């Protein structure tokens, strides 16, 4: 049975690569990497997994900076919903 460990490690590695691209100002390249990472995270780790949420956040940052504000807001809203649920679990 798969436990998501390999997928999680690979997704985190690609996520770090994308964040480094963002920090270097290579937004288009980062957005391309994250456009692959996010669906993999969603399918293998689930929508509330921290790696999925961080990947969506960084993808939204890229999209916003590239002028795709509507898509960025949609992604940030999705991240926020899951973050709110996670915070509610800690209360």
PDB file of N, CA and C in Angstrom:
ATOM      1  N   UNK A   1       0.833  -1.189   0.000  1.00  0.00           N
ATOM      2  CA  UNK A   1       0.000   0.000   0.000  1.00  0.00           C
ATOM      3  C   UNK A   1       0.872   1.245   0.000  1.00  0.00           C
ATOM      4  N   UNK A   2       0.518   2.223  -0.805  1.00  0.00           N
ATOM      5  CA  UNK A   2       1.266   3.474  -0.854  1.00  0.00           C
ATOM      6  C   UNK A   2       0.938   4.323   0.358  1.00  0.00           C
ATOM      7  N   UNK A   3       1.967   4.933   0.942  1.00  0.00           N
ATOM      8  CA  UNK A   3       1.720   5.809   2.081  1.00  0.00           C
ATOM      9  C   UNK A   3       1.938   7.278   1.732  1.00  0.00           C
ATOM     10  N   UNK A   4       2.323   7.569   0.511  1.00  0.00           N
ATOM     11  CA  UNK A   4       2.513   8.949   0.104  1.00  0.00           C
ATOM     12  C   UNK A   4       3.889   9.497   0.421  1.00  0.00           C
ATOM     13  N   UNK A   5       4.744   8.708   1.055  1.00  0.00           N
ATOM     14  CA  UNK A   5       6.058   9.202   1.453  1.00  0.00           C
ATOM     15  C   UNK A   5       6.902   9.600   0.250  1.00  0.00           C
ATOM     16  N   UNK A   6       6.975   8.748  -0.749  1.00  0.00           N
ATOM     17  CA  UNK A   6       7.772   9.064  -1.940  1.00  0.00           C
ATOM     18  C   UNK A   6       7.192  10.259  -2.675  1.00  0.00           C
ATOM     19  N   UNK A   7       5.864  10.274  -2.814  1.00  0.00           N
ATOM     20  CA  UNK A   7       5.220  11.390  -3.497  1.00  0.00           C
ATOM     21  C   UNK A   7       5.450  12.691  -2.733  1.00  0.00           C
ATOM     22  N   UNK A   8       5.345  12.613  -1.415  1.00  0.00           N
ATOM     23  CA  UNK A   8       5.533  13.798  -0.587  1.00  0.00           C
ATOM     24  C   UNK A   8       6.959  14.334  -0.720  1.00  0.00           C
ATOM     25  N   UNK A   9       7.933  13.436  -0.678  1.00  0.00           N
ATOM     26  CA  UNK A   9       9.329  13.861  -0.812  1.00  0.00           C
ATOM     27  C   UNK A   9       9.612  14.470  -2.170  1.00  0.00           C
ATOM     28  N   UNK A  10       9.102  13.846  -3.233  1.00  0.00           N
ATOM     29  CA  UNK A  10       9.292  14.381  -4.578  1.00  0.00           C
ATOM     30  C   UNK A  10       8.600  15.710  -4.762  1.00  0.00           C
ATOM     31  N   UNK A  11       7.395  15.818  -4.213  1.00  0.00           N
ATOM     32  CA  UNK A  11       6.651  17.071  -4.324  1.00  0.00           C
ATOM     33  C   UNK A  11       7.359  18.184  -3.554  1.00  0.00           C
ATOM     34  N   UNK A  12       7.856  17.856  -2.368  1.00  0.00           N
ATOM     35  CA  UNK A  12       8.585  18.883  -1.589  1.00  0.00           C
ATOM     36  C   UNK A  12       9.837  19.336  -2.317  1.00  0.00           C
ATOM     37  N   UNK A  13      10.530  18.407  -2.934  1.00  0.00           N
ATOM     38  CA  UNK A  13      11.739  18.749  -3.678  1.00  0.00           C
ATOM     39  C   UNK A  13      11.419  19.687  -4.842  1.00  0.00           C
ATOM     40  N   UNK A  14      10.387  19.351  -5.592  1.00  0.00           N
ATOM     41  CA  UNK A  14       9.980  20.204  -6.724  1.00  0.00           C
ATOM     42  C   UNK A  14       9.453  21.548  -6.220  1.00  0.00           C
ATOM     43  N   UNK A  15       8.778  21.532  -5.092  1.00  0.00           N
ATOM     44  CA  UNK A  15       8.275  22.777  -4.502  1.00  0.00           C
ATOM     45  C   UNK A  15       9.444  23.694  -4.133  1.00  0.00           C
ATOM     46  N   UNK A  16      10.473  23.135  -3.498  1.00  0.00           N
ATOM     47  CA  UNK A  16      11.658  23.938  -3.147  1.00  0.00           C
ATOM     48  C   UNK A  16      12.310  24.512  -4.400  1.00  0.00           C
ATOM     49  N   UNK A  17      12.377  23.697  -5.449  1.00  0.00           N
ATOM     50  CA  UNK A  17      12.921  24.169  -6.722  1.00  0.00           C
ATOM     51  C   UNK A  17      12.110  25.366  -7.231  1.00  0.00           C
ATOM     52  N   UNK A  18      10.792  25.254  -7.169  1.00  0.00           N
ATOM     53  CA  UNK A  18       9.924  26.334  -7.651  1.00  0.00           C
ATOM     54  C   UNK A  18      10.080  27.597  -6.806  1.00  0.00           C
ATOM     55  N   UNK A  19      10.165  27.443  -5.491  1.00  0.00           N
ATOM     56  CA  UNK A  19      10.338  28.606  -4.615  1.00  0.00           C
ATOM     57  C   UNK A  19      11.658  29.299  -4.923  1.00  0.00           C
ATOM     58  N   UNK A  20      12.705  28.524  -5.148  1.00  0.00           N
ATOM     59  CA  UNK A  20      13.989  29.132  -5.533  1.00  0.00           C
ATOM     60  C   UNK A  20      13.862  29.900  -6.842  1.00  0.00           C
ATOM     61  N   UNK A  21      13.101  29.366  -7.779  1.00  0.00           N
ATOM     62  CA  UNK A  21      12.867  30.094  -9.034  1.00  0.00           C
ATOM     63  C   UNK A  21      12.141  31.410  -8.770  1.00  0.00           C
ATOM     64  N   UNK A  22      11.141  31.377  -7.888  1.00  0.00           N
ATOM     65  CA  UNK A  22      10.409  32.605  -7.532  1.00  0.00           C
ATOM     66  C   UNK A  22      11.379  33.620  -6.941  1.00  0.00           C
ATOM     67  N   UNK A  23      12.197  33.173  -6.014  1.00  0.00           N
ATOM     68  CA  UNK A  23      13.129  34.077  -5.338  1.00  0.00           C
ATOM     69  C   UNK A  23      14.156  34.676  -6.293  1.00  0.00           C
ATOM     70  N   UNK A  24      14.438  33.961  -7.384  1.00  0.00           N
ATOM     71  CA  UNK A  24      15.350  34.484  -8.407  1.00  0.00           C
ATOM     72  C   UNK A  24      14.616  35.325  -9.443  1.00  0.00           C
ATOM     73  N   UNK A  25      13.295  35.430  -9.297  1.00  0.00           N
ATOM     74  CA  UNK A  25      12.505  36.223 -10.234  1.00  0.00           C
ATOM     75  C   UNK A  25      12.087  35.484 -11.485  1.00  0.00           C
ATOM     76  N   UNK A  26      12.271  34.188 -11.515  1.00  0.00           N
ATOM     77  CA  UNK A  26      11.911  33.379 -12.682  1.00  0.00           C
ATOM     78  C   UNK A  26      10.497  32.837 -12.495  1.00  0.00           C
ATOM     79  N   UNK A  27       9.535  33.767 -12.556  1.00  0.00           N
ATOM     80  CA  UNK A  27       8.152  33.445 -12.209  1.00  0.00           C
ATOM     81  C   UNK A  27       7.484  32.501 -13.192  1.00  0.00           C
ATOM     82  N   UNK A  28       7.713  32.693 -14.468  1.00  0.00           N
ATOM     83  CA  UNK A  28       7.078  31.831 -15.459  1.00  0.00           C
ATOM     84  C   UNK A  28       7.529  30.384 -15.281  1.00  0.00           C
ATOM     85  N   UNK A  29       8.820  30.193 -15.059  1.00  0.00           N
ATOM     86  CA  UNK A  29       9.345  28.853 -14.866  1.00  0.00           C
ATOM     87  C   UNK A  29       8.791  28.225 -13.586  1.00  0.00           C
ATOM     88  N   UNK A  30       8.732  29.030 -12.532  1.00  0.00           N
ATOM     89  CA  UNK A  30       8.183  28.538 -11.262  1.00  0.00           C
ATOM     90  C   UNK A  30       6.721  28.145 -11.427  1.00  0.00           C
ATOM     91  N   UNK A  31       5.961  28.969 -12.122  1.00  0.00           N
ATOM     92  CA  UNK A  31       4.547  28.663 -12.345  1.00  0.00           C
ATOM     93  C   UNK A  31       4.392  27.364 -13.129  1.00  0.00           C
ATOM     94  N   UNK A  32       5.279  27.132 -14.084  1.00  0.00           N
ATOM     95  CA  UNK A  32       5.213  25.890 -14.854  1.00  0.00           C
ATOM     96  C   UNK A  32       5.497  24.677 -13.977  1.00  0.00           C
ATOM     97  N   UNK A  33       6.501  24.778 -13.131  1.00  0.00           N
ATOM     98  CA  UNK A  33       6.823  23.676 -12.220  1.00  0.00           C
ATOM     99  C   UNK A  33       5.634  23.420 -11.292  1.00  0.00           C
ATOM    100  N   UNK A  34       5.098  24.487 -10.720  1.00  0.00           N
ATOM    101  CA  UNK A  34       3.999  24.331  -9.772  1.00  0.00           C
ATOM    102  C   UNK A  34       2.708  23.863 -10.434  1.00  0.00           C
ATOM    103  N   UNK A  35       2.532  24.166 -11.708  1.00  0.00           N
ATOM    104  CA  UNK A  35       1.333  23.685 -12.403  1.00  0.00           C
ATOM    105  C   UNK A  35       1.340  22.166 -12.540  1.00  0.00           C
ATOM    106  N   UNK A  36       2.515  21.557 -12.404  1.00  0.00           N
ATOM    107  CA  UNK A  36       2.629  20.099 -12.387  1.00  0.00           C
ATOM    108  C   UNK A  36       2.585  19.583 -10.947  1.00  0.00           C
ATOM    109  N   UNK A  37       3.257  20.275 -10.042  1.00  0.00           N
ATOM    110  CA  UNK A  37       3.349  19.833  -8.648  1.00  0.00           C
ATOM    111  C   UNK A  37       1.986  19.839  -7.959  1.00  0.00           C
ATOM    112  N   UNK A  38       1.210  20.893  -8.147  1.00  0.00           N
ATOM    113  CA  UNK A  38      -0.067  21.019  -7.434  1.00  0.00           C
ATOM    114  C   UNK A  38      -1.007  19.841  -7.733  1.00  0.00           C
ATOM    115  N   UNK A  39      -1.258  19.485  -8.998  1.00  0.00           N
ATOM    116  CA  UNK A  39      -2.144  18.337  -9.236  1.00  0.00           C
ATOM    117  C   UNK A  39      -1.607  17.020  -8.659  1.00  0.00           C
ATOM    118  N   UNK A  40      -0.291  16.833  -8.699  1.00  0.00           N
ATOM    119  CA  UNK A  40       0.300  15.624  -8.108  1.00  0.00           C
ATOM    120  C   UNK A  40       0.045  15.614  -6.603  1.00  0.00           C
ATOM    121  N   UNK A  41       0.258  16.747  -5.953  1.00  0.00           N
ATOM    122  CA  UNK A  41       0.006  16.844  -4.509  1.00  0.00           C
ATOM    123  C   UNK A  41      -1.458  16.571  -4.192  1.00  0.00           C
ATOM    124  N   UNK A  42      -2.346  17.168  -4.958  1.00  0.00           N
ATOM    125  CA  UNK A  42      -3.776  16.971  -4.705  1.00  0.00           C
ATOM    126  C   UNK A  42      -4.164  15.506  -4.809  1.00  0.00           C
ATOM    127  N   UNK A  43      -3.658  14.830  -5.834  1.00  0.00           N
ATOM    128  CA  UNK A  43      -4.067  13.438  -6.040  1.00  0.00           C
ATOM    129  C   UNK A  43      -3.353  12.463  -5.100  1.00  0.00           C
ATOM    130  N   UNK A  44      -2.096  12.724  -4.765  1.00  0.00           N
ATOM    131  CA  UNK A  44      -1.356  11.758  -3.957  1.00  0.00           C
ATOM    132  C   UNK A  44      -1.346  12.076  -2.465  1.00  0.00           C
ATOM    133  N   UNK A  45      -1.421  13.353  -2.117  1.00  0.00           N
ATOM    134  CA  UNK A  45      -1.333  13.741  -0.704  1.00  0.00           C
ATOM    135  C   UNK A  45      -2.654  14.247  -0.139  1.00  0.00           C
ATOM    136  N   UNK A  46      -3.511  14.747  -1.002  1.00  0.00           N
ATOM    137  CA  UNK A  46      -4.799  15.275  -0.559  1.00  0.00           C
ATOM    138  C   UNK A  46      -4.784  16.792  -0.463  1.00  0.00           C
ATOM    139  N   UNK A  47      -5.961  17.391  -0.458  1.00  0.00           N
ATOM    140  CA  UNK A  47      -6.068  18.851  -0.504  1.00  0.00           C
ATOM    141  C   UNK A  47      -5.642  19.574   0.766  1.00  0.00           C
ATOM    142  N   UNK A  48      -5.604  18.895   1.899  1.00  0.00           N
ATOM    143  CA  UNK A  48      -5.267  19.562   3.155  1.00  0.00           C
ATOM    144  C   UNK A  48      -3.830  19.308   3.611  1.00  0.00           C
ATOM    145  N   UNK A  49      -3.076  18.551   2.828  1.00  0.00           N
ATOM    146  CA  UNK A  49      -1.683  18.251   3.208  1.00  0.00           C
ATOM    147  C   UNK A  49      -0.857  19.532   3.138  1.00  0.00           C
ATOM    148  N   UNK A  50       0.044  19.746   4.095  1.00  0.00           N
ATOM    149  CA  UNK A  50       0.859  20.970   4.088  1.00  0.00           C
ATOM    150  C   UNK A  50       1.628  21.199   2.789  1.00  0.00           C
ATOM    151  N   UNK A  51       2.156  20.151   2.183  1.00  0.00           N
ATOM    152  CA  UNK A  51       2.881  20.315   0.920  1.00  0.00           C
ATOM    153  C   UNK A  51       1.955  20.785  -0.183  1.00  0.00           C
ATOM    154  N   UNK A  52       0.738  20.267  -0.203  1.00  0.00           N
ATOM    155  CA  UNK A  52      -0.256  20.699  -1.192  1.00  0.00           C
ATOM    156  C   UNK A  52      -0.588  22.167  -0.981  1.00  0.00           C
ATOM    157  N   UNK A  53      -0.842  22.545   0.271  1.00  0.00           N
ATOM    158  CA  UNK A  53      -1.225  23.926   0.568  1.00  0.00           C
ATOM    159  C   UNK A  53      -0.099  24.907   0.238  1.00  0.00           C
ATOM    160  N   UNK A  54       1.120  24.565   0.585  1.00  0.00           N
ATOM    161  CA  UNK A  54       2.248  25.447   0.261  1.00  0.00           C
ATOM    162  C   UNK A  54       2.472  25.545  -1.247  1.00  0.00           C
ATOM    163  N   UNK A  55       2.300  24.446  -1.939  1.00  0.00           N
ATOM    164  CA  UNK A  55       2.456  24.481  -3.398  1.00  0.00           C
ATOM    165  C   UNK A  55       1.398  25.370  -4.031  1.00  0.00           C
ATOM    166  N   UNK A  56       0.177  25.271  -3.547  1.00  0.00           N
ATOM    167  CA  UNK A  56      -0.891  26.119  -4.069  1.00  0.00           C
ATOM    168  C   UNK A  56      -0.620  27.586  -3.743  1.00  0.00           C
ATOM    169  N   UNK A  57      -0.143  27.855  -2.534  1.00  0.00           N
ATOM    170  CA  UNK A  57       0.188  29.229  -2.147  1.00  0.00           C
ATOM    171  C   UNK A  57       1.226  29.823  -3.095  1.00  0.00           C
ATOM    172  N   UNK A  58       2.324  29.098  -3.300  1.00  0.00           N
ATOM    173  CA  UNK A  58       3.380  29.619  -4.167  1.00  0.00           C
ATOM    174  C   UNK A  58       2.924  29.727  -5.616  1.00  0.00           C
ATOM    175  N   UNK A  59       2.065  28.816  -6.044  1.00  0.00           N
ATOM    176  CA  UNK A  59       1.520  28.922  -7.397  1.00  0.00           C
ATOM    177  C   UNK A  59       0.681  30.198  -7.509  1.00  0.00           C
ATOM    178  N   UNK A  60      -0.101  30.477  -6.477  1.00  0.00           N
ATOM    179  CA  UNK A  60      -0.905  31.704  -6.462  1.00  0.00           C
ATOM    180  C   UNK A  60      -0.017  32.951  -6.501  1.00  0.00           C
ATOM    181  N   UNK A  61       1.074  32.927  -5.763  1.00  0.00           N
ATOM    182  CA  UNK A  61       2.006  34.068  -5.779  1.00  0.00           C
ATOM    183  C   UNK A  61       2.518  34.295  -7.202  1.00  0.00           C
ATOM    184  N   UNK A  62       2.920  33.227  -7.856  1.00  0.00           N
ATOM    185  CA  UNK A  62       3.409  33.328  -9.236  1.00  0.00           C
ATOM    186  C   UNK A  62       2.330  33.886 -10.156  1.00  0.00           C
ATOM    187  N   UNK A  63       1.138  33.304 -10.067  1.00  0.00           N
ATOM    188  CA  UNK A  63       0.053  33.742 -10.943  1.00  0.00           C
ATOM    189  C   UNK A  63      -0.274  35.212 -10.724  1.00  0.00           C
ATOM    190  N   UNK A  64      -0.321  35.636  -9.469  1.00  0.00           N
ATOM    191  CA  UNK A  64      -0.619  37.040  -9.178  1.00  0.00           C
ATOM    192  C   UNK A  64       0.436  37.958  -9.784  1.00  0.00           C
ATOM    193  N   UNK A  65       1.689  37.599  -9.621  1.00  0.00           N
ATOM    194  CA  UNK A  65       2.770  38.431 -10.155  1.00  0.00           C
ATOM    195  C   UNK A  65       2.825  38.416 -11.681  1.00  0.00           C
ATOM    196  N   UNK A  66       2.264  37.347 -12.263  1.00  0.00           N
ATOM    197  CA  UNK A  66       2.236  37.252 -13.723  1.00  0.00           C
ATOM    198  C   UNK A  66       0.955  37.846 -14.316  1.00  0.00           C
ATOM    199  N   UNK A  67       0.092  38.389 -13.458  1.00  0.00           N
ATOM    200  CA  UNK A  67      -1.108  39.063 -13.940  1.00  0.00           C
ATOM    201  C   UNK A  67      -2.362  38.223 -13.995  1.00  0.00           C
ATOM    202  N   UNK A  68      -2.306  37.010 -13.470  1.00  0.00           N
ATOM    203  CA  UNK A  68      -3.483  36.139 -13.460  1.00  0.00           C
ATOM    204  C   UNK A  68      -4.140  36.195 -12.079  1.00  0.00           C
ATOM    205  N   UNK A  69      -4.574  37.392 -11.715  1.00  0.00           N
ATOM    206  CA  UNK A  69      -5.110  37.637 -10.377  1.00  0.00           C
ATOM    207  C   UNK A  69      -6.310  36.793 -10.009  1.00  0.00           C
ATOM    208  N   UNK A  70      -7.227  36.581 -10.940  1.00  0.00           N
ATOM    209  CA  UNK A  70      -8.423  35.793 -10.628  1.00  0.00           C
ATOM    210  C   UNK A  70      -8.064  34.363 -10.237  1.00  0.00           C
ATOM    211  N   UNK A  71      -7.182  33.764 -11.001  1.00  0.00           N
ATOM    212  CA  UNK A  71      -6.746  32.398 -10.675  1.00  0.00           C
ATOM    213  C   UNK A  71      -6.000  32.373  -9.350  1.00  0.00           C
ATOM    214  N   UNK A  72      -5.196  33.409  -9.101  1.00  0.00           N
ATOM    215  CA  UNK A  72      -4.439  33.483  -7.852  1.00  0.00           C
ATOM    216  C   UNK A  72      -5.386  33.585  -6.655  1.00  0.00           C
ATOM    217  N   UNK A  73      -6.409  34.416  -6.775  1.00  0.00           N
ATOM    218  CA  UNK A  73      -7.368  34.578  -5.677  1.00  0.00           C
ATOM    219  C   UNK A  73      -8.100  33.268  -5.411  1.00  0.00           C
ATOM    220  N   UNK A  74      -8.476  32.551  -6.466  1.00  0.00           N
ATOM    221  CA  UNK A  74      -9.144  31.261  -6.295  1.00  0.00           C
ATOM    222  C   UNK A  74      -8.256  30.277  -5.529  1.00  0.00           C
ATOM    223  N   UNK A  75      -6.990  30.215  -5.898  1.00  0.00           N
ATOM    224  CA  UNK A  75      -6.067  29.315  -5.207  1.00  0.00           C
ATOM    225  C   UNK A  75      -5.873  29.720  -3.748  1.00  0.00           C
ATOM    226  N   UNK A  76      -5.710  31.020  -3.504  1.00  0.00           N
ATOM    227  CA  UNK A  76      -5.515  31.486  -2.133  1.00  0.00           C
ATOM    228  C   UNK A  76      -6.751  31.229  -1.280  1.00  0.00           C
ATOM    229  N   UNK A  77      -7.935  31.359  -1.872  1.00  0.00           N
ATOM    230  CA  UNK A  77      -9.169  31.057  -1.137  1.00  0.00           C
ATOM    231  C   UNK A  77      -9.208  29.584  -0.750  1.00  0.00           C
ATOM    232  N   UNK A  78      -8.776  28.714  -1.655  1.00  0.00           N
ATOM    233  CA  UNK A  78      -8.749  27.274  -1.375  1.00  0.00           C
ATOM    234  C   UNK A  78      -7.766  26.979  -0.240  1.00  0.00           C
ATOM    235  N   UNK A  79      -6.595  27.589  -0.304  1.00  0.00           N
ATOM    236  CA  UNK A  79      -5.596  27.398   0.752  1.00  0.00           C
ATOM    237  C   UNK A  79      -6.147  27.898   2.080  1.00  0.00           C
ATOM    238  N   UNK A  80      -6.773  29.059   2.054  1.00  0.00           N
ATOM    239  CA  UNK A  80      -7.308  29.656   3.277  1.00  0.00           C
ATOM    240  C   UNK A  80      -8.380  28.773   3.921  1.00  0.00           C
ATOM    241  N   UNK A  81      -9.255  28.194   3.111  1.00  0.00           N
ATOM    242  CA  UNK A  81     -10.293  27.302   3.656  1.00  0.00           C
ATOM    243  C   UNK A  81      -9.667  26.136   4.413  1.00  0.00           C
ATOM    244  N   UNK A  82      -8.657  25.529   3.816  1.00  0.00           N
ATOM    245  CA  UNK A  82      -8.014  24.388   4.470  1.00  0.00           C
ATOM    246  C   UNK A  82      -7.199  24.824   5.687  1.00  0.00           C
ATOM    247  N   UNK A  83      -6.565  25.970   5.608  1.00  0.00           N
ATOM    248  CA  UNK A  83      -5.795  26.484   6.743  1.00  0.00           C
ATOM    249  C   UNK A  83      -6.737  26.788   7.906  1.00  0.00           C
ATOM    250  N   UNK A  84      -7.897  27.361   7.614  1.00  0.00           N
ATOM    251  CA  UNK A  84      -8.869  27.639   8.669  1.00  0.00           C
ATOM    252  C   UNK A  84      -9.315  26.348   9.343  1.00  0.00           C
ATOM    253  N   UNK A  85      -9.544  25.310   8.555  1.00  0.00           N
ATOM    254  CA  UNK A  85      -9.954  24.014   9.119  1.00  0.00           C
ATOM    255  C   UNK A  85      -8.851  23.452   9.992  1.00  0.00           C
ATOM    256  N   UNK A  86      -7.604  23.554   9.536  1.00  0.00           N
ATOM    257  CA  UNK A  86      -6.483  23.024  10.313  1.00  0.00           C
ATOM    258  C   UNK A  86      -6.358  23.780  11.631  1.00  0.00           C
ATOM    259  N   UNK A  87      -6.536  25.088  11.599  1.00  0.00           N
ATOM    260  CA  UNK A  87      -6.457  25.884  12.829  1.00  0.00           C
ATOM    261  C   UNK A  87      -7.612  25.535  13.767  1.00  0.00           C
ATOM    262  N   UNK A  88      -8.772  25.256  13.212  1.00  0.00           N
ATOM    263  CA  UNK A  88      -9.924  24.860  14.014  1.00  0.00           C
ATOM    264  C   UNK A  88      -9.684  23.546  14.727  1.00  0.00           C
ATOM    265  N   UNK A  89      -8.926  22.659  14.094  1.00  0.00           N
ATOM    266  CA  UNK A  89      -8.614  21.365  14.712  1.00  0.00           C
ATOM    267  C   UNK A  89      -7.711  21.534  15.945  1.00  0.00           C
ATOM    268  N   UNK A  90      -6.973  22.617  15.997  1.00  0.00           N
ATOM    269  CA  UNK A  90      -6.035  22.851  17.110  1.00  0.00           C
ATOM    270  C   UNK A  90      -6.697  23.549  18.280  1.00  0.00           C
ATOM    271  N   UNK A  91      -7.869  24.109  18.061  1.00  0.00           N
ATOM    272  CA  UNK A  91      -8.547  24.856  19.128  1.00  0.00           C
ATOM    273  C   UNK A  91      -9.107  23.938  20.193  1.00  0.00           C
TER     274      UNK A  91
END
